[in-house]
Amino acid sequence: MSVNLTERRPAAPPPAPVSAPPSAEGRPAARVALEAVKFALVGGSGVLVNLVAFNLLLHGTDLAAMAATVAASCLAMGTNYLGFRFFTYRDRASRTRRQIALFFVFSVLGVVMESGLFFAGYHGLGIEGSWESNAVKALSIVLASVFRFLVYRTWVFSHDARRAA
């Protein structure tokens, strides 16, 4: 028996590429839906902070309902920034003074909208009970959150064109 040591084996063909399932990154509608879910998770935690702080301030201190709603909204604003920055929009432009300033400017506008809606509902309907004040508070949060979602994704946490290139 003889063995030819100089002969080379033919190279094995390269493995066929494995096609990954389409991700949300490639589909704009899915990407926005995923963003909306993340926004809702962070926003939901902010609503919880907002409502708990509102009730503690309204029923545990001598603050008037309007002062309690503004203070609770401001506390939730701070916790939401952290959630949006490090969870919902972590893939977007890095933290800058401009981003922080825009977030707080639009958040203050959101607090003004939320407080105005709360004022109209609370005083306009003559609400005095705890359940009713919480219902008006929750509705004002939901309505102002639509505004927040649109401005945060469009101007505050916008995609950095230089990173995408």
N, C-alpha and C. Protein backbone atom coordinates (compact mmCIF):
# COMPACT_ATOMS: atom_id res chain seq x y z
N MET A 1 0.82 -1.15 0.00
CA MET A 1 0.00 0.00 0.00
C MET A 1 0.88 1.24 0.00
N SER A 2 0.54 2.17 -0.85
CA SER A 2 1.33 3.39 -0.90
C SER A 2 0.46 4.60 -0.58
N VAL A 3 1.06 5.57 0.07
CA VAL A 3 0.36 6.79 0.48
C VAL A 3 1.07 7.96 -0.18
N ASN A 4 0.32 8.76 -0.86
CA ASN A 4 0.87 9.93 -1.50
C ASN A 4 0.74 11.11 -0.53
N LEU A 5 1.83 11.56 0.02
CA LEU A 5 1.84 12.64 1.01
C LEU A 5 1.82 14.03 0.38
N THR A 6 2.02 14.12 -0.89
CA THR A 6 2.04 15.43 -1.52
C THR A 6 0.68 15.85 -2.07
N GLU A 7 -0.23 14.91 -2.13
CA GLU A 7 -1.55 15.24 -2.66
C GLU A 7 -2.37 15.97 -1.62
N ARG A 8 -3.05 16.99 -2.02
CA ARG A 8 -3.89 17.76 -1.11
C ARG A 8 -5.34 17.34 -1.27
N ARG A 9 -6.03 17.38 -0.17
CA ARG A 9 -7.46 17.11 -0.19
C ARG A 9 -8.18 18.34 -0.71
N PRO A 10 -9.26 18.11 -1.40
CA PRO A 10 -10.02 19.29 -1.82
C PRO A 10 -10.64 19.97 -0.59
N ALA A 11 -10.65 21.27 -0.63
CA ALA A 11 -11.21 22.05 0.50
C ALA A 11 -12.71 21.82 0.59
N ALA A 12 -13.17 21.76 1.81
CA ALA A 12 -14.62 21.59 2.03
C ALA A 12 -15.32 22.88 1.63
N PRO A 13 -16.50 22.74 1.05
CA PRO A 13 -17.21 23.98 0.69
C PRO A 13 -17.58 24.75 1.94
N PRO A 14 -17.60 26.08 1.82
CA PRO A 14 -17.95 26.89 3.00
C PRO A 14 -19.40 26.60 3.42
N PRO A 15 -19.65 26.70 4.70
CA PRO A 15 -21.02 26.42 5.15
C PRO A 15 -21.98 27.47 4.60
N ALA A 16 -23.19 27.02 4.35
CA ALA A 16 -24.21 27.93 3.83
C ALA A 16 -24.55 28.95 4.91
N PRO A 17 -24.73 30.21 4.51
CA PRO A 17 -25.07 31.23 5.52
C PRO A 17 -26.44 30.91 6.14
N VAL A 18 -26.46 31.09 7.45
CA VAL A 18 -27.70 30.87 8.17
C VAL A 18 -28.48 32.18 8.15
N SER A 19 -29.69 32.11 7.65
CA SER A 19 -30.46 33.35 7.60
C SER A 19 -31.16 33.55 8.93
N ALA A 20 -30.90 34.71 9.49
CA ALA A 20 -31.52 35.06 10.78
C ALA A 20 -32.94 35.53 10.51
N PRO A 21 -33.80 35.28 11.48
CA PRO A 21 -35.16 35.79 11.29
C PRO A 21 -35.13 37.31 11.22
N PRO A 22 -36.03 37.89 10.46
CA PRO A 22 -36.02 39.36 10.36
C PRO A 22 -36.19 39.98 11.73
N SER A 23 -35.36 40.97 12.00
CA SER A 23 -35.43 41.64 13.30
C SER A 23 -36.25 42.91 13.19
N ALA A 24 -36.55 43.47 14.34
CA ALA A 24 -37.29 44.73 14.37
C ALA A 24 -36.47 45.84 13.73
N GLU A 25 -35.14 45.67 13.70
CA GLU A 25 -34.27 46.71 13.13
C GLU A 25 -34.56 46.92 11.65
N GLY A 26 -34.94 45.85 10.94
CA GLY A 26 -35.15 45.97 9.51
C GLY A 26 -36.55 46.38 9.11
N ARG A 27 -37.48 46.39 10.02
CA ARG A 27 -38.86 46.73 9.70
C ARG A 27 -39.27 47.96 10.48
N PRO A 28 -39.53 49.06 9.79
CA PRO A 28 -39.86 50.32 10.49
C PRO A 28 -41.07 50.20 11.42
N ALA A 29 -42.12 49.53 10.98
CA ALA A 29 -43.32 49.43 11.83
C ALA A 29 -43.01 48.63 13.10
N ALA A 30 -42.25 47.56 12.97
CA ALA A 30 -41.89 46.76 14.13
C ALA A 30 -40.96 47.54 15.06
N ARG A 31 -40.07 48.32 14.47
CA ARG A 31 -39.14 49.13 15.27
C ARG A 31 -39.90 50.16 16.10
N VAL A 32 -40.87 50.82 15.50
CA VAL A 32 -41.67 51.81 16.23
C VAL A 32 -42.52 51.12 17.29
N ALA A 33 -43.05 49.94 16.96
CA ALA A 33 -43.87 49.20 17.94
C ALA A 33 -43.02 48.80 19.14
N LEU A 34 -41.80 48.31 18.91
CA LEU A 34 -40.90 47.96 20.01
C LEU A 34 -40.56 49.19 20.83
N GLU A 35 -40.30 50.30 20.16
CA GLU A 35 -40.01 51.55 20.86
C GLU A 35 -41.20 51.98 21.72
N ALA A 36 -42.41 51.83 21.17
CA ALA A 36 -43.61 52.21 21.92
C ALA A 36 -43.79 51.32 23.15
N VAL A 37 -43.47 50.03 23.03
CA VAL A 37 -43.57 49.12 24.18
C VAL A 37 -42.56 49.53 25.25
N LYS A 38 -41.33 49.81 24.85
CA LYS A 38 -40.31 50.25 25.81
C LYS A 38 -40.71 51.57 26.46
N PHE A 39 -41.24 52.49 25.63
CA PHE A 39 -41.70 53.77 26.15
C PHE A 39 -42.80 53.54 27.18
N ALA A 40 -43.72 52.62 26.88
CA ALA A 40 -44.83 52.33 27.80
C ALA A 40 -44.33 51.71 29.10
N LEU A 41 -43.30 50.87 29.03
CA LEU A 41 -42.75 50.28 30.26
C LEU A 41 -42.14 51.36 31.15
N VAL A 42 -41.32 52.21 30.57
CA VAL A 42 -40.72 53.29 31.35
C VAL A 42 -41.80 54.27 31.79
N GLY A 43 -42.68 54.61 30.86
CA GLY A 43 -43.77 55.52 31.21
C GLY A 43 -44.67 54.95 32.29
N GLY A 44 -44.91 53.64 32.23
CA GLY A 44 -45.74 52.99 33.26
C GLY A 44 -45.10 53.09 34.63
N SER A 45 -43.79 52.90 34.68
CA SER A 45 -43.12 53.06 35.97
C SER A 45 -43.18 54.51 36.43
N GLY A 46 -43.10 55.44 35.47
CA GLY A 46 -43.23 56.86 35.80
C GLY A 46 -44.63 57.20 36.30
N VAL A 47 -45.64 56.56 35.70
CA VAL A 47 -47.02 56.77 36.16
C VAL A 47 -47.16 56.28 37.60
N LEU A 48 -46.55 55.13 37.88
CA LEU A 48 -46.60 54.59 39.24
C LEU A 48 -45.94 55.56 40.22
N VAL A 49 -44.75 56.05 39.88
CA VAL A 49 -44.07 57.04 40.73
C VAL A 49 -44.95 58.27 40.89
N ASN A 50 -45.53 58.73 39.78
CA ASN A 50 -46.36 59.93 39.78
C ASN A 50 -47.58 59.75 40.69
N LEU A 51 -48.29 58.64 40.54
CA LEU A 51 -49.50 58.43 41.33
C LEU A 51 -49.20 58.20 42.81
N VAL A 52 -48.14 57.44 43.11
CA VAL A 52 -47.79 57.20 44.51
C VAL A 52 -47.37 58.52 45.17
N ALA A 53 -46.52 59.28 44.49
CA ALA A 53 -46.09 60.58 45.05
C ALA A 53 -47.28 61.52 45.19
N PHE A 54 -48.16 61.55 44.19
CA PHE A 54 -49.34 62.40 44.24
C PHE A 54 -50.19 62.07 45.46
N ASN A 55 -50.46 60.79 45.67
CA ASN A 55 -51.30 60.40 46.80
C ASN A 55 -50.62 60.65 48.14
N LEU A 56 -49.31 60.39 48.22
CA LEU A 56 -48.59 60.68 49.46
C LEU A 56 -48.62 62.17 49.77
N LEU A 57 -48.42 62.99 48.75
CA LEU A 57 -48.41 64.44 48.96
C LEU A 57 -49.82 64.98 49.24
N LEU A 58 -50.80 64.46 48.52
CA LEU A 58 -52.17 64.96 48.68
C LEU A 58 -52.77 64.56 50.02
N HIS A 59 -52.54 63.30 50.42
CA HIS A 59 -53.19 62.80 51.63
C HIS A 59 -52.27 62.79 52.85
N GLY A 60 -50.97 62.95 52.63
CA GLY A 60 -50.03 62.89 53.74
C GLY A 60 -49.45 64.23 54.15
N THR A 61 -49.77 65.27 53.38
CA THR A 61 -49.27 66.61 53.70
C THR A 61 -50.42 67.60 53.57
N ASP A 62 -50.10 68.84 53.75
CA ASP A 62 -51.11 69.90 53.62
C ASP A 62 -51.12 70.51 52.23
N LEU A 63 -50.45 69.88 51.27
CA LEU A 63 -50.39 70.44 49.92
C LEU A 63 -51.76 70.38 49.24
N ALA A 64 -52.04 71.41 48.47
CA ALA A 64 -53.26 71.42 47.66
C ALA A 64 -53.08 70.43 46.51
N ALA A 65 -54.18 70.05 45.89
CA ALA A 65 -54.15 69.06 44.82
C ALA A 65 -53.27 69.50 43.65
N MET A 66 -53.33 70.76 43.27
CA MET A 66 -52.51 71.24 42.15
C MET A 66 -51.02 71.19 42.49
N ALA A 67 -50.65 71.58 43.69
CA ALA A 67 -49.24 71.52 44.09
C ALA A 67 -48.78 70.07 44.14
N ALA A 68 -49.62 69.19 44.62
CA ALA A 68 -49.27 67.77 44.70
C ALA A 68 -49.08 67.18 43.30
N THR A 69 -49.94 67.56 42.36
CA THR A 69 -49.81 67.00 41.01
C THR A 69 -48.56 67.51 40.31
N VAL A 70 -48.21 68.78 40.51
CA VAL A 70 -47.01 69.33 39.88
C VAL A 70 -45.75 68.70 40.49
N ALA A 71 -45.70 68.59 41.82
CA ALA A 71 -44.54 68.00 42.48
C ALA A 71 -44.37 66.53 42.07
N ALA A 72 -45.45 65.79 42.04
CA ALA A 72 -45.38 64.37 41.66
C ALA A 72 -44.94 64.22 40.21
N SER A 73 -45.43 65.09 39.35
CA SER A 73 -45.04 65.04 37.94
C SER A 73 -43.56 65.34 37.76
N CYS A 74 -43.04 66.28 38.52
CA CYS A 74 -41.61 66.61 38.44
C CYS A 74 -40.74 65.46 38.92
N LEU A 75 -41.16 64.78 39.98
CA LEU A 75 -40.42 63.62 40.46
C LEU A 75 -40.42 62.52 39.40
N ALA A 76 -41.57 62.26 38.81
CA ALA A 76 -41.67 61.25 37.76
C ALA A 76 -40.83 61.62 36.54
N MET A 77 -40.74 62.92 36.25
CA MET A 77 -39.94 63.39 35.13
C MET A 77 -38.48 62.95 35.29
N GLY A 78 -37.94 63.09 36.48
CA GLY A 78 -36.56 62.70 36.72
C GLY A 78 -36.34 61.20 36.58
N THR A 79 -37.25 60.41 37.12
CA THR A 79 -37.09 58.95 37.00
C THR A 79 -37.29 58.50 35.56
N ASN A 80 -38.17 59.16 34.84
CA ASN A 80 -38.39 58.80 33.44
C ASN A 80 -37.17 59.10 32.58
N TYR A 81 -36.48 60.20 32.85
CA TYR A 81 -35.29 60.50 32.06
C TYR A 81 -34.30 59.34 32.14
N LEU A 82 -34.09 58.84 33.34
CA LEU A 82 -33.15 57.73 33.50
C LEU A 82 -33.60 56.49 32.73
N GLY A 83 -34.89 56.19 32.80
CA GLY A 83 -35.42 55.03 32.08
C GLY A 83 -35.34 55.19 30.57
N PHE A 84 -35.67 56.37 30.08
CA PHE A 84 -35.61 56.59 28.64
C PHE A 84 -34.17 56.57 28.15
N ARG A 85 -33.29 57.21 28.89
CA ARG A 85 -31.90 57.33 28.47
C ARG A 85 -31.18 55.98 28.47
N PHE A 86 -31.42 55.18 29.50
CA PHE A 86 -30.65 53.95 29.64
C PHE A 86 -31.41 52.69 29.23
N PHE A 87 -32.69 52.79 28.85
CA PHE A 87 -33.43 51.62 28.42
C PHE A 87 -34.09 51.84 27.07
N THR A 88 -35.04 52.73 27.00
CA THR A 88 -35.82 52.91 25.78
C THR A 88 -34.97 53.41 24.62
N TYR A 89 -34.16 54.42 24.86
CA TYR A 89 -33.38 55.05 23.79
C TYR A 89 -31.88 54.89 23.99
N ARG A 90 -31.46 53.79 24.57
CA ARG A 90 -30.02 53.62 24.83
C ARG A 90 -29.21 53.49 23.55
N ASP A 91 -29.85 53.13 22.44
CA ASP A 91 -29.15 52.98 21.17
C ASP A 91 -29.01 54.30 20.41
N ARG A 92 -29.54 55.34 20.97
CA ARG A 92 -29.53 56.63 20.28
C ARG A 92 -28.36 57.49 20.76
N ALA A 93 -28.34 58.72 20.29
CA ALA A 93 -27.22 59.63 20.57
C ALA A 93 -26.89 59.67 22.06
N SER A 94 -25.60 59.81 22.33
CA SER A 94 -25.15 59.82 23.71
C SER A 94 -25.64 61.07 24.43
N ARG A 95 -25.60 61.00 25.74
CA ARG A 95 -26.07 62.10 26.60
C ARG A 95 -25.27 63.37 26.30
N THR A 96 -25.99 64.41 26.05
CA THR A 96 -25.37 65.71 25.82
C THR A 96 -26.16 66.75 26.60
N ARG A 97 -25.58 67.92 26.74
CA ARG A 97 -26.31 69.01 27.41
C ARG A 97 -27.58 69.35 26.63
N ARG A 98 -27.47 69.30 25.32
CA ARG A 98 -28.63 69.60 24.48
C ARG A 98 -29.74 68.60 24.73
N GLN A 99 -29.39 67.31 24.78
CA GLN A 99 -30.40 66.28 25.01
C GLN A 99 -31.08 66.46 26.37
N ILE A 100 -30.30 66.71 27.38
CA ILE A 100 -30.86 66.89 28.72
C ILE A 100 -31.74 68.14 28.75
N ALA A 101 -31.27 69.22 28.14
CA ALA A 101 -32.06 70.45 28.12
C ALA A 101 -33.38 70.24 27.37
N LEU A 102 -33.32 69.59 26.20
CA LEU A 102 -34.54 69.33 25.45
C LEU A 102 -35.50 68.44 26.24
N PHE A 103 -34.95 67.41 26.90
CA PHE A 103 -35.80 66.52 27.68
C PHE A 103 -36.56 67.31 28.74
N PHE A 104 -35.86 68.14 29.48
CA PHE A 104 -36.51 68.88 30.55
C PHE A 104 -37.43 69.99 30.03
N VAL A 105 -37.09 70.61 28.90
CA VAL A 105 -38.00 71.61 28.32
C VAL A 105 -39.30 70.93 27.90
N PHE A 106 -39.20 69.83 27.16
CA PHE A 106 -40.41 69.14 26.72
C PHE A 106 -41.14 68.48 27.89
N SER A 107 -40.40 68.05 28.89
CA SER A 107 -41.04 67.47 30.07
C SER A 107 -41.83 68.53 30.83
N VAL A 108 -41.26 69.72 30.94
CA VAL A 108 -41.98 70.80 31.60
C VAL A 108 -43.25 71.13 30.81
N LEU A 109 -43.15 71.16 29.49
CA LEU A 109 -44.35 71.37 28.68
C LEU A 109 -45.37 70.26 28.92
N GLY A 110 -44.87 69.02 29.06
CA GLY A 110 -45.76 67.90 29.38
C GLY A 110 -46.40 68.05 30.75
N VAL A 111 -45.64 68.53 31.73
CA VAL A 111 -46.19 68.77 33.07
C VAL A 111 -47.24 69.89 33.01
N VAL A 112 -46.99 70.92 32.22
CA VAL A 112 -47.97 72.00 32.07
C VAL A 112 -49.25 71.45 31.44
N MET A 113 -49.10 70.63 30.38
CA MET A 113 -50.28 70.02 29.76
C MET A 113 -51.03 69.14 30.76
N GLU A 114 -50.27 68.28 31.44
CA GLU A 114 -50.87 67.36 32.41
C GLU A 114 -51.56 68.13 33.53
N SER A 115 -50.91 69.16 34.04
CA SER A 115 -51.49 69.96 35.13
C SER A 115 -52.71 70.73 34.66
N GLY A 116 -52.66 71.25 33.44
CA GLY A 116 -53.82 71.95 32.89
C GLY A 116 -55.01 71.03 32.72
N LEU A 117 -54.74 69.82 32.21
CA LEU A 117 -55.81 68.83 32.07
C LEU A 117 -56.36 68.42 33.43
N PHE A 118 -55.45 68.25 34.40
CA PHE A 118 -55.88 67.89 35.75
C PHE A 118 -56.73 69.01 36.35
N PHE A 119 -56.26 70.24 36.18
CA PHE A 119 -57.00 71.39 36.71
C PHE A 119 -58.40 71.45 36.12
N ALA A 120 -58.48 71.30 34.80
CA ALA A 120 -59.78 71.35 34.13
C ALA A 120 -60.70 70.24 34.63
N GLY A 121 -60.16 69.04 34.78
CA GLY A 121 -60.98 67.93 35.25
C GLY A 121 -61.32 68.02 36.72
N TYR A 122 -60.33 68.38 37.53
CA TYR A 122 -60.51 68.39 38.98
C TYR A 122 -61.44 69.53 39.40
N HIS A 123 -61.11 70.72 38.95
CA HIS A 123 -61.92 71.89 39.35
C HIS A 123 -63.16 72.05 38.48
N GLY A 124 -63.03 71.71 37.20
CA GLY A 124 -64.17 71.85 36.31
C GLY A 124 -65.31 70.91 36.66
N LEU A 125 -64.96 69.73 37.18
CA LEU A 125 -65.98 68.76 37.57
C LEU A 125 -66.30 68.81 39.06
N GLY A 126 -65.59 69.66 39.79
CA GLY A 126 -65.82 69.78 41.22
C GLY A 126 -65.49 68.52 41.99
N ILE A 127 -64.39 67.89 41.66
CA ILE A 127 -64.01 66.60 42.26
C ILE A 127 -63.44 66.82 43.66
N GLU A 128 -63.83 65.95 44.56
CA GLU A 128 -63.31 66.01 45.92
C GLU A 128 -62.81 64.66 46.41
N GLY A 129 -63.31 63.57 45.85
CA GLY A 129 -62.96 62.24 46.34
C GLY A 129 -61.63 61.74 45.85
N SER A 130 -61.08 60.77 46.58
CA SER A 130 -59.78 60.20 46.25
C SER A 130 -59.82 59.43 44.92
N TRP A 131 -60.84 58.61 44.72
CA TRP A 131 -60.92 57.82 43.50
C TRP A 131 -61.04 58.73 42.28
N GLU A 132 -61.90 59.73 42.37
CA GLU A 132 -62.11 60.64 41.24
C GLU A 132 -60.85 61.45 40.93
N SER A 133 -60.15 61.91 41.97
CA SER A 133 -58.93 62.69 41.73
C SER A 133 -57.87 61.82 41.06
N ASN A 134 -57.79 60.55 41.44
CA ASN A 134 -56.83 59.64 40.80
C ASN A 134 -57.23 59.33 39.36
N ALA A 135 -58.52 59.22 39.09
CA ALA A 135 -58.98 58.98 37.72
C ALA A 135 -58.64 60.16 36.82
N VAL A 136 -58.87 61.38 37.31
CA VAL A 136 -58.54 62.57 36.53
C VAL A 136 -57.02 62.67 36.35
N LYS A 137 -56.28 62.36 37.40
CA LYS A 137 -54.81 62.39 37.32
C LYS A 137 -54.32 61.39 36.27
N ALA A 138 -54.84 60.17 36.30
CA ALA A 138 -54.42 59.14 35.34
C ALA A 138 -54.76 59.55 33.91
N LEU A 139 -55.94 60.08 33.69
CA LEU A 139 -56.33 60.52 32.35
C LEU A 139 -55.43 61.65 31.86
N SER A 140 -55.11 62.59 32.73
CA SER A 140 -54.23 63.69 32.33
C SER A 140 -52.83 63.18 31.99
N ILE A 141 -52.36 62.16 32.70
CA ILE A 141 -51.05 61.56 32.41
C ILE A 141 -51.07 60.90 31.03
N VAL A 142 -52.10 60.14 30.76
CA VAL A 142 -52.20 59.43 29.48
C VAL A 142 -52.22 60.42 28.31
N LEU A 143 -53.03 61.45 28.42
CA LEU A 143 -53.12 62.42 27.33
C LEU A 143 -51.81 63.17 27.12
N ALA A 144 -51.14 63.55 28.19
CA ALA A 144 -49.86 64.25 28.05
C ALA A 144 -48.76 63.30 27.56
N SER A 145 -48.90 62.01 27.82
CA SER A 145 -47.89 61.03 27.38
C SER A 145 -47.84 60.89 25.87
N VAL A 146 -48.94 61.09 25.19
CA VAL A 146 -48.93 61.05 23.72
C VAL A 146 -48.01 62.15 23.20
N PHE A 147 -48.16 63.34 23.74
CA PHE A 147 -47.28 64.45 23.38
C PHE A 147 -45.82 64.09 23.68
N ARG A 148 -45.57 63.56 24.87
CA ARG A 148 -44.19 63.23 25.28
C ARG A 148 -43.57 62.20 24.34
N PHE A 149 -44.31 61.15 24.01
CA PHE A 149 -43.78 60.11 23.11
C PHE A 149 -43.33 60.73 21.80
N LEU A 150 -44.15 61.56 21.23
CA LEU A 150 -43.83 62.16 19.93
C LEU A 150 -42.62 63.07 19.99
N VAL A 151 -42.53 63.93 21.00
CA VAL A 151 -41.40 64.87 21.04
C VAL A 151 -40.12 64.20 21.52
N TYR A 152 -40.21 63.23 22.43
CA TYR A 152 -38.99 62.57 22.88
C TYR A 152 -38.34 61.80 21.74
N ARG A 153 -39.14 61.05 20.99
CA ARG A 153 -38.56 60.23 19.92
C ARG A 153 -38.10 61.09 18.75
N THR A 154 -38.75 62.24 18.54
CA THR A 154 -38.43 63.07 17.39
C THR A 154 -37.28 64.02 17.66
N TRP A 155 -37.27 64.67 18.82
CA TRP A 155 -36.27 65.71 19.06
C TRP A 155 -35.29 65.40 20.18
N VAL A 156 -35.71 64.75 21.23
CA VAL A 156 -34.81 64.56 22.36
C VAL A 156 -33.87 63.38 22.13
N PHE A 157 -34.42 62.23 21.81
CA PHE A 157 -33.62 61.02 21.62
C PHE A 157 -33.61 60.64 20.14
N SER A 158 -33.37 61.60 19.29
CA SER A 158 -33.37 61.35 17.84
C SER A 158 -32.14 60.53 17.48
N HIS A 159 -32.23 59.85 16.34
CA HIS A 159 -31.08 59.08 15.87
C HIS A 159 -29.97 60.03 15.46
N ASP A 160 -28.75 59.68 15.79
CA ASP A 160 -27.59 60.48 15.41
C ASP A 160 -27.18 60.07 14.01
N ALA A 161 -27.35 60.94 13.04
CA ALA A 161 -27.09 60.62 11.63
C ALA A 161 -25.62 60.23 11.41
N ARG A 162 -24.72 60.80 12.18
CA ARG A 162 -23.31 60.47 12.01
C ARG A 162 -23.01 59.05 12.43
N ARG A 163 -23.71 58.54 13.47
CA ARG A 163 -23.47 57.17 13.92
C ARG A 163 -24.07 56.17 12.93
N ALA A 164 -25.16 56.54 12.26
CA ALA A 164 -25.81 55.62 11.33
C ALA A 164 -25.00 55.46 10.05
N ALA A 165 -24.16 56.44 9.70
CA ALA A 165 -23.39 56.38 8.46
C ALA A 165 -22.22 55.44 8.56
